[in-house]
């Protein structure tokens, strides 16, 4: 696989993952013994972020090269595609990461528009937040995104070497991390995942490691 980007878990514990160079989605069985391609007839353009909605049983895929989002059923059949290149509501400029909150809302990192766009379960635009800047609450290179059990939104920024946290309405709350190689420091972080116990997993890319945090002990 030349360019693995993102993965998500399905209800049967199988795993979907994207390859942005092969333009395909693959599926690994729960026992890790079978690898298949999800819907071989599916035509994607640089798929990156992928997420599964427990509310609708739909698979959401970010197509970075097409500046659009595809919604699939559980078999990989395309239900809906929306978005085009631009800076308006529901338009994108190289979108990348995606996550789905417990409320069913879908959060998409619109990377080169330096913002996060929020959609409902049907792909209707709800809101957006963020802009390019050098201070807290702004974005320089937004990467991974995740939500905790309180529906707070976490965005990894590679150039800030930090994780910024926003409330469910997109209001800035606080951040953690700084550039470096010690514990609690990052070097060009990229991905993030938060489990049901609010343990936070950060892909600390240039430090070649994963750091794990407990929400209750972040200062």
C-alpha atoms as a PDB file:
ATOM      1  CA  UNK A   1       0.000   0.000   0.000  1.00  0.00           C
ATOM      2  CA  UNK A   2       1.789   3.163  -1.184  1.00  0.00           C
ATOM      3  CA  UNK A   3      -0.210   5.747   0.768  1.00  0.00           C
ATOM      4  CA  UNK A   4      -2.250   4.588   3.770  1.00  0.00           C
ATOM      5  CA  UNK A   5      -4.064   7.546   5.308  1.00  0.00           C
ATOM      6  CA  UNK A   6      -6.982   6.795   7.627  1.00  0.00           C
ATOM      7  CA  UNK A   7      -9.046   3.963   9.094  1.00  0.00           C
ATOM      8  CA  UNK A   8     -12.370   3.374  10.825  1.00  0.00           C
ATOM      9  CA  UNK A   9     -14.069   0.515  12.652  1.00  0.00           C
ATOM     10  CA  UNK A  10     -17.319  -1.079  11.484  1.00  0.00           C
ATOM     11  CA  UNK A  11     -19.958  -2.646  13.798  1.00  0.00           C
ATOM     12  CA  UNK A  12     -18.717  -6.166  13.006  1.00  0.00           C
ATOM     13  CA  UNK A  13     -15.205  -5.118  14.133  1.00  0.00           C
ATOM     14  CA  UNK A  14     -13.841  -5.179  10.621  1.00  0.00           C
ATOM     15  CA  UNK A  15     -11.646  -2.224   9.657  1.00  0.00           C
ATOM     16  CA  UNK A  16     -11.818   0.046   6.633  1.00  0.00           C
ATOM     17  CA  UNK A  17      -8.780   2.011   5.481  1.00  0.00           C
ATOM     18  CA  UNK A  18      -8.011   4.365   2.616  1.00  0.00           C
ATOM     19  CA  UNK A  19      -5.092   4.462   0.212  1.00  0.00           C
ATOM     20  CA  UNK A  20      -4.846   7.879  -1.413  1.00  0.00           C
ATOM     21  CA  UNK A  21      -2.587   6.766  -4.267  1.00  0.00           C
ATOM     22  CA  UNK A  22      -4.458   3.605  -5.185  1.00  0.00           C
ATOM     23  CA  UNK A  23      -7.731   5.569  -4.865  1.00  0.00           C
ATOM     24  CA  UNK A  24      -9.317   2.657  -3.047  1.00  0.00           C
ATOM     25  CA  UNK A  25     -10.863   1.619   0.261  1.00  0.00           C
ATOM     26  CA  UNK A  26      -9.854  -1.743   1.719  1.00  0.00           C
ATOM     27  CA  UNK A  27     -11.477  -3.877   4.391  1.00  0.00           C
ATOM     28  CA  UNK A  28      -9.773  -6.147   6.918  1.00  0.00           C
ATOM     29  CA  UNK A  29     -11.915  -8.785   8.626  1.00  0.00           C
ATOM     30  CA  UNK A  30     -12.251  -8.789  12.417  1.00  0.00           C
ATOM     31  CA  UNK A  31      -9.925 -11.806  12.686  1.00  0.00           C
ATOM     32  CA  UNK A  32      -7.326 -10.060  10.451  1.00  0.00           C
ATOM     33  CA  UNK A  33      -7.322 -13.028   8.084  1.00  0.00           C
ATOM     34  CA  UNK A  34      -9.124 -11.568   5.080  1.00  0.00           C
ATOM     35  CA  UNK A  35      -8.339  -8.444   3.079  1.00  0.00           C
ATOM     36  CA  UNK A  36     -10.789  -7.246   0.425  1.00  0.00           C
ATOM     37  CA  UNK A  37     -11.463  -4.121  -1.581  1.00  0.00           C
ATOM     38  CA  UNK A  38     -14.656  -2.281  -0.698  1.00  0.00           C
ATOM     39  CA  UNK A  39     -16.772  -2.022  -3.850  1.00  0.00           C
ATOM     40  CA  UNK A  40     -14.296  -2.438  -6.695  1.00  0.00           C
ATOM     41  CA  UNK A  41     -16.450  -0.280  -8.960  1.00  0.00           C
ATOM     42  CA  UNK A  42     -16.196   2.705  -6.618  1.00  0.00           C
ATOM     43  CA  UNK A  43     -14.506   5.658  -8.331  1.00  0.00           C
ATOM     44  CA  UNK A  44     -12.636   7.848  -5.829  1.00  0.00           C
ATOM     45  CA  UNK A  45     -10.161  10.722  -6.201  1.00  0.00           C
ATOM     46  CA  UNK A  46      -7.445  10.698  -3.541  1.00  0.00           C
ATOM     47  CA  UNK A  47      -9.487   9.289  -0.627  1.00  0.00           C
ATOM     48  CA  UNK A  48      -8.036  10.309   2.724  1.00  0.00           C
ATOM     49  CA  UNK A  49     -10.238  10.662   5.806  1.00  0.00           C
ATOM     50  CA  UNK A  50     -12.847   7.996   6.505  1.00  0.00           C
ATOM     51  CA  UNK A  51     -15.442   7.625   9.262  1.00  0.00           C
ATOM     52  CA  UNK A  52     -18.433   5.427  10.093  1.00  0.00           C
ATOM     53  CA  UNK A  53     -21.695   6.892  11.371  1.00  0.00           C
ATOM     54  CA  UNK A  54     -23.411   4.767  14.013  1.00  0.00           C
ATOM     55  CA  UNK A  55     -26.494   6.956  13.573  1.00  0.00           C
ATOM     56  CA  UNK A  56     -27.055   6.073   9.917  1.00  0.00           C
ATOM     57  CA  UNK A  57     -24.727   3.102   9.247  1.00  0.00           C
ATOM     58  CA  UNK A  58     -23.140   5.151   6.496  1.00  0.00           C
ATOM     59  CA  UNK A  59     -19.460   5.481   5.592  1.00  0.00           C
ATOM     60  CA  UNK A  60     -18.131   8.984   4.987  1.00  0.00           C
ATOM     61  CA  UNK A  61     -15.066   9.414   2.766  1.00  0.00           C
ATOM     62  CA  UNK A  62     -13.076  12.580   2.142  1.00  0.00           C
ATOM     63  CA  UNK A  63     -11.907  12.879  -1.472  1.00  0.00           C
ATOM     64  CA  UNK A  64      -9.074  15.364  -1.149  1.00  0.00           C
ATOM     65  CA  UNK A  65      -8.258  15.507  -4.854  1.00  0.00           C
ATOM     66  CA  UNK A  66     -11.880  16.193  -5.795  1.00  0.00           C
ATOM     67  CA  UNK A  67     -12.481  18.652  -2.936  1.00  0.00           C
ATOM     68  CA  UNK A  68     -15.600  16.676  -2.090  1.00  0.00           C
ATOM     69  CA  UNK A  69     -17.196  14.198   0.305  1.00  0.00           C
ATOM     70  CA  UNK A  70     -18.791  10.850  -0.543  1.00  0.00           C
ATOM     71  CA  UNK A  71     -21.355   9.073   1.617  1.00  0.00           C
ATOM     72  CA  UNK A  72     -21.515   5.294   1.125  1.00  0.00           C
ATOM     73  CA  UNK A  73     -23.701   2.518   2.447  1.00  0.00           C
ATOM     74  CA  UNK A  74     -22.175  -0.355   4.390  1.00  0.00           C
ATOM     75  CA  UNK A  75     -21.383  -2.235   1.143  1.00  0.00           C
ATOM     76  CA  UNK A  76     -19.582   0.733  -0.392  1.00  0.00           C
ATOM     77  CA  UNK A  77     -22.366   1.817  -2.737  1.00  0.00           C
ATOM     78  CA  UNK A  78     -22.392   5.560  -3.222  1.00  0.00           C
ATOM     79  CA  UNK A  79     -25.407   7.320  -1.705  1.00  0.00           C
ATOM     80  CA  UNK A  80     -24.421  10.951  -2.058  1.00  0.00           C
ATOM     81  CA  UNK A  81     -21.512  13.147  -3.087  1.00  0.00           C
ATOM     82  CA  UNK A  82     -21.257  16.824  -2.299  1.00  0.00           C
ATOM     83  CA  UNK A  83     -18.740  19.645  -2.392  1.00  0.00           C
ATOM     84  CA  UNK A  84     -16.496  21.380  -4.887  1.00  0.00           C
ATOM     85  CA  UNK A  85     -13.407  23.541  -4.712  1.00  0.00           C
ATOM     86  CA  UNK A  86     -14.105  26.915  -3.151  1.00  0.00           C
ATOM     87  CA  UNK A  87     -14.371  28.832   0.091  1.00  0.00           C
ATOM     88  CA  UNK A  88     -18.131  29.034   0.567  1.00  0.00           C
ATOM     89  CA  UNK A  89     -20.359  26.932   2.787  1.00  0.00           C
ATOM     90  CA  UNK A  90     -20.098  23.280   1.763  1.00  0.00           C
ATOM     91  CA  UNK A  91     -17.129  24.015  -0.498  1.00  0.00           C
ATOM     92  CA  UNK A  92     -13.626  22.752   0.205  1.00  0.00           C
ATOM     93  CA  UNK A  93      -9.975  23.430  -0.508  1.00  0.00           C
ATOM     94  CA  UNK A  94      -8.130  20.140  -0.011  1.00  0.00           C
ATOM     95  CA  UNK A  95     -10.180  18.611   2.807  1.00  0.00           C
ATOM     96  CA  UNK A  96      -8.417  15.861   4.725  1.00  0.00           C
ATOM     97  CA  UNK A  97      -9.529  14.499   8.088  1.00  0.00           C
ATOM     98  CA  UNK A  98     -13.022  13.669   9.306  1.00  0.00           C
ATOM     99  CA  UNK A  99     -14.735  12.518  12.492  1.00  0.00           C
ATOM    100  CA  UNK A 100     -18.320  11.930  13.613  1.00  0.00           C
ATOM    101  CA  UNK A 101     -19.472  13.000  17.074  1.00  0.00           C
ATOM    102  CA  UNK A 102     -21.824  11.134  19.389  1.00  0.00           C
ATOM    103  CA  UNK A 103     -24.522  13.598  18.322  1.00  0.00           C
ATOM    104  CA  UNK A 104     -24.154  12.403  14.730  1.00  0.00           C
ATOM    105  CA  UNK A 105     -22.657  15.646  13.472  1.00  0.00           C
ATOM    106  CA  UNK A 106     -19.815  15.285  10.991  1.00  0.00           C
ATOM    107  CA  UNK A 107     -16.669  17.406  11.369  1.00  0.00           C
ATOM    108  CA  UNK A 108     -14.384  17.851   8.352  1.00  0.00           C
ATOM    109  CA  UNK A 109     -10.975  19.542   8.295  1.00  0.00           C
ATOM    110  CA  UNK A 110     -11.036  21.890   5.302  1.00  0.00           C
ATOM    111  CA  UNK A 111      -7.264  22.154   5.344  1.00  0.00           C
ATOM    112  CA  UNK A 112      -6.347  24.952   2.955  1.00  0.00           C
ATOM    113  CA  UNK A 113      -9.378  26.996   3.932  1.00  0.00           C
ATOM    114  CA  UNK A 114      -7.968  26.712   7.480  1.00  0.00           C
ATOM    115  CA  UNK A 115     -11.286  25.764   9.035  1.00  0.00           C
ATOM    116  CA  UNK A 116     -13.550  22.960  10.194  1.00  0.00           C
ATOM    117  CA  UNK A 117     -16.937  22.510   8.542  1.00  0.00           C
ATOM    118  CA  UNK A 118     -19.816  20.802  10.350  1.00  0.00           C
ATOM    119  CA  UNK A 119     -22.585  18.809   8.656  1.00  0.00           C
ATOM    120  CA  UNK A 120     -25.621  16.849   9.818  1.00  0.00           C
ATOM    121  CA  UNK A 121     -26.135  13.129   9.205  1.00  0.00           C
ATOM    122  CA  UNK A 122     -27.499  13.805   5.708  1.00  0.00           C
ATOM    123  CA  UNK A 123     -24.631  16.030   4.603  1.00  0.00           C
ATOM    124  CA  UNK A 124     -26.431  19.327   5.110  1.00  0.00           C
ATOM    125  CA  UNK A 125     -24.183  22.226   6.144  1.00  0.00           C
ATOM    126  CA  UNK A 126     -24.586  23.323   9.769  1.00  0.00           C
ATOM    127  CA  UNK A 127     -21.696  25.608  10.675  1.00  0.00           C
ATOM    128  CA  UNK A 128     -17.970  26.215  10.402  1.00  0.00           C
ATOM    129  CA  UNK A 129     -15.190  27.683  12.506  1.00  0.00           C
ATOM    130  CA  UNK A 130     -11.525  28.617  12.204  1.00  0.00           C
ATOM    131  CA  UNK A 131      -9.318  30.791  10.018  1.00  0.00           C
ATOM    132  CA  UNK A 132      -5.656  31.160   9.157  1.00  0.00           C
ATOM    133  CA  UNK A 133      -3.551  32.859  11.823  1.00  0.00           C
ATOM    134  CA  UNK A 134      -0.671  32.559  14.256  1.00  0.00           C
ATOM    135  CA  UNK A 135      -2.501  32.642  17.585  1.00  0.00           C
ATOM    136  CA  UNK A 136      -4.545  30.237  19.657  1.00  0.00           C
ATOM    137  CA  UNK A 137      -7.912  29.501  18.134  1.00  0.00           C
ATOM    138  CA  UNK A 138      -6.495  29.951  14.629  1.00  0.00           C
ATOM    139  CA  UNK A 139      -5.073  27.298  12.263  1.00  0.00           C
ATOM    140  CA  UNK A 140      -1.745  27.089  10.440  1.00  0.00           C
ATOM    141  CA  UNK A 141      -1.752  23.454   9.281  1.00  0.00           C
ATOM    142  CA  UNK A 142      -4.839  21.631  10.627  1.00  0.00           C
ATOM    143  CA  UNK A 143      -4.537  17.863  10.410  1.00  0.00           C
ATOM    144  CA  UNK A 144      -6.356  15.226  12.487  1.00  0.00           C
ATOM    145  CA  UNK A 145      -9.697  15.784  14.196  1.00  0.00           C
ATOM    146  CA  UNK A 146     -11.637  13.923  16.902  1.00  0.00           C
ATOM    147  CA  UNK A 147     -14.364  14.480  19.499  1.00  0.00           C
ATOM    148  CA  UNK A 148     -14.551  13.399  23.139  1.00  0.00           C
ATOM    149  CA  UNK A 149     -17.606  12.146  25.044  1.00  0.00           C
ATOM    150  CA  UNK A 150     -18.578  15.749  25.819  1.00  0.00           C
ATOM    151  CA  UNK A 151     -18.640  16.577  22.082  1.00  0.00           C
ATOM    152  CA  UNK A 152     -15.648  18.870  22.413  1.00  0.00           C
ATOM    153  CA  UNK A 153     -13.673  19.037  19.166  1.00  0.00           C
ATOM    154  CA  UNK A 154      -9.907  18.388  19.069  1.00  0.00           C
ATOM    155  CA  UNK A 155      -7.840  19.578  16.096  1.00  0.00           C
ATOM    156  CA  UNK A 156      -4.170  18.716  15.644  1.00  0.00           C
ATOM    157  CA  UNK A 157      -2.123  21.516  14.074  1.00  0.00           C
ATOM    158  CA  UNK A 158       1.199  20.354  12.646  1.00  0.00           C
ATOM    159  CA  UNK A 159       2.833  23.776  12.398  1.00  0.00           C
ATOM    160  CA  UNK A 160       1.759  24.806  15.896  1.00  0.00           C
ATOM    161  CA  UNK A 161       2.905  21.387  17.214  1.00  0.00           C
ATOM    162  CA  UNK A 162      -0.157  21.328  19.427  1.00  0.00           C
ATOM    163  CA  UNK A 163      -3.739  20.131  19.875  1.00  0.00           C
ATOM    164  CA  UNK A 164      -6.458  22.766  20.094  1.00  0.00           C
ATOM    165  CA  UNK A 165      -9.793  22.045  21.749  1.00  0.00           C
ATOM    166  CA  UNK A 166     -13.083  23.716  20.844  1.00  0.00           C
ATOM    167  CA  UNK A 167     -16.557  23.289  22.278  1.00  0.00           C
ATOM    168  CA  UNK A 168     -19.401  21.817  20.198  1.00  0.00           C
ATOM    169  CA  UNK A 169     -20.144  25.268  18.770  1.00  0.00           C
ATOM    170  CA  UNK A 170     -16.564  25.863  17.651  1.00  0.00           C
ATOM    171  CA  UNK A 171     -15.559  28.202  20.463  1.00  0.00           C
ATOM    172  CA  UNK A 172     -11.878  27.881  21.427  1.00  0.00           C
ATOM    173  CA  UNK A 173     -11.351  26.361  24.892  1.00  0.00           C
ATOM    174  CA  UNK A 174      -7.668  25.530  25.379  1.00  0.00           C
ATOM    175  CA  UNK A 175      -4.703  23.695  23.869  1.00  0.00           C
ATOM    176  CA  UNK A 176      -1.965  21.324  24.976  1.00  0.00           C
ATOM    177  CA  UNK A 177       1.463  20.420  23.670  1.00  0.00           C
ATOM    178  CA  UNK A 178       4.438  22.375  22.364  1.00  0.00           C
ATOM    179  CA  UNK A 179       7.282  21.749  19.923  1.00  0.00           C
ATOM    180  CA  UNK A 180       9.876  19.315  21.196  1.00  0.00           C
ATOM    181  CA  UNK A 181      10.825  15.691  21.735  1.00  0.00           C
ATOM    182  CA  UNK A 182      10.006  15.245  25.427  1.00  0.00           C
ATOM    183  CA  UNK A 183       6.813  13.822  26.892  1.00  0.00           C
ATOM    184  CA  UNK A 184       3.862  16.163  26.271  1.00  0.00           C
ATOM    185  CA  UNK A 185       5.698  17.729  23.339  1.00  0.00           C
ATOM    186  CA  UNK A 186       5.123  17.122  19.616  1.00  0.00           C
ATOM    187  CA  UNK A 187       6.975  17.481  16.359  1.00  0.00           C
ATOM    188  CA  UNK A 188       4.646  17.933  13.374  1.00  0.00           C
ATOM    189  CA  UNK A 189       1.775  15.879  14.850  1.00  0.00           C
ATOM    190  CA  UNK A 190      -0.803  14.647  12.375  1.00  0.00           C
ATOM    191  CA  UNK A 191      -3.480  12.205  13.537  1.00  0.00           C
ATOM    192  CA  UNK A 192      -5.687  11.907  16.601  1.00  0.00           C
ATOM    193  CA  UNK A 193      -8.125   9.333  17.981  1.00  0.00           C
ATOM    194  CA  UNK A 194     -10.185   9.472  21.183  1.00  0.00           C
ATOM    195  CA  UNK A 195     -11.683   6.271  22.595  1.00  0.00           C
ATOM    196  CA  UNK A 196     -14.847   5.860  24.665  1.00  0.00           C
ATOM    197  CA  UNK A 197     -12.843   6.302  27.893  1.00  0.00           C
ATOM    198  CA  UNK A 198     -11.585   9.694  26.692  1.00  0.00           C
ATOM    199  CA  UNK A 199      -8.056   8.411  26.188  1.00  0.00           C
ATOM    200  CA  UNK A 200      -6.448  10.589  23.536  1.00  0.00           C
ATOM    201  CA  UNK A 201      -4.012   9.048  21.028  1.00  0.00           C
ATOM    202  CA  UNK A 202      -1.778  11.470  19.103  1.00  0.00           C
ATOM    203  CA  UNK A 203       0.309  10.522  16.060  1.00  0.00           C
ATOM    204  CA  UNK A 204       3.492  12.451  16.875  1.00  0.00           C
ATOM    205  CA  UNK A 205       4.801  12.122  13.332  1.00  0.00           C
ATOM    206  CA  UNK A 206       8.336  13.523  13.304  1.00  0.00           C
ATOM    207  CA  UNK A 207       9.028  11.984  16.701  1.00  0.00           C
ATOM    208  CA  UNK A 208       7.981   8.620  15.204  1.00  0.00           C
ATOM    209  CA  UNK A 209       5.739   7.737  18.123  1.00  0.00           C
ATOM    210  CA  UNK A 210       2.220   7.677  19.534  1.00  0.00           C
ATOM    211  CA  UNK A 211       1.545   9.615  22.723  1.00  0.00           C
ATOM    212  CA  UNK A 212      -1.483   8.704  24.837  1.00  0.00           C
ATOM    213  CA  UNK A 213      -3.220  11.119  27.194  1.00  0.00           C
ATOM    214  CA  UNK A 214      -6.009  10.854  29.728  1.00  0.00           C
ATOM    215  CA  UNK A 215      -8.457  13.747  29.407  1.00  0.00           C
ATOM    216  CA  UNK A 216      -8.762  13.967  33.184  1.00  0.00           C
ATOM    217  CA  UNK A 217      -5.054  14.682  33.603  1.00  0.00           C
ATOM    218  CA  UNK A 218      -4.392  17.189  30.844  1.00  0.00           C
ATOM    219  CA  UNK A 219      -3.180  20.465  32.339  1.00  0.00           C
END
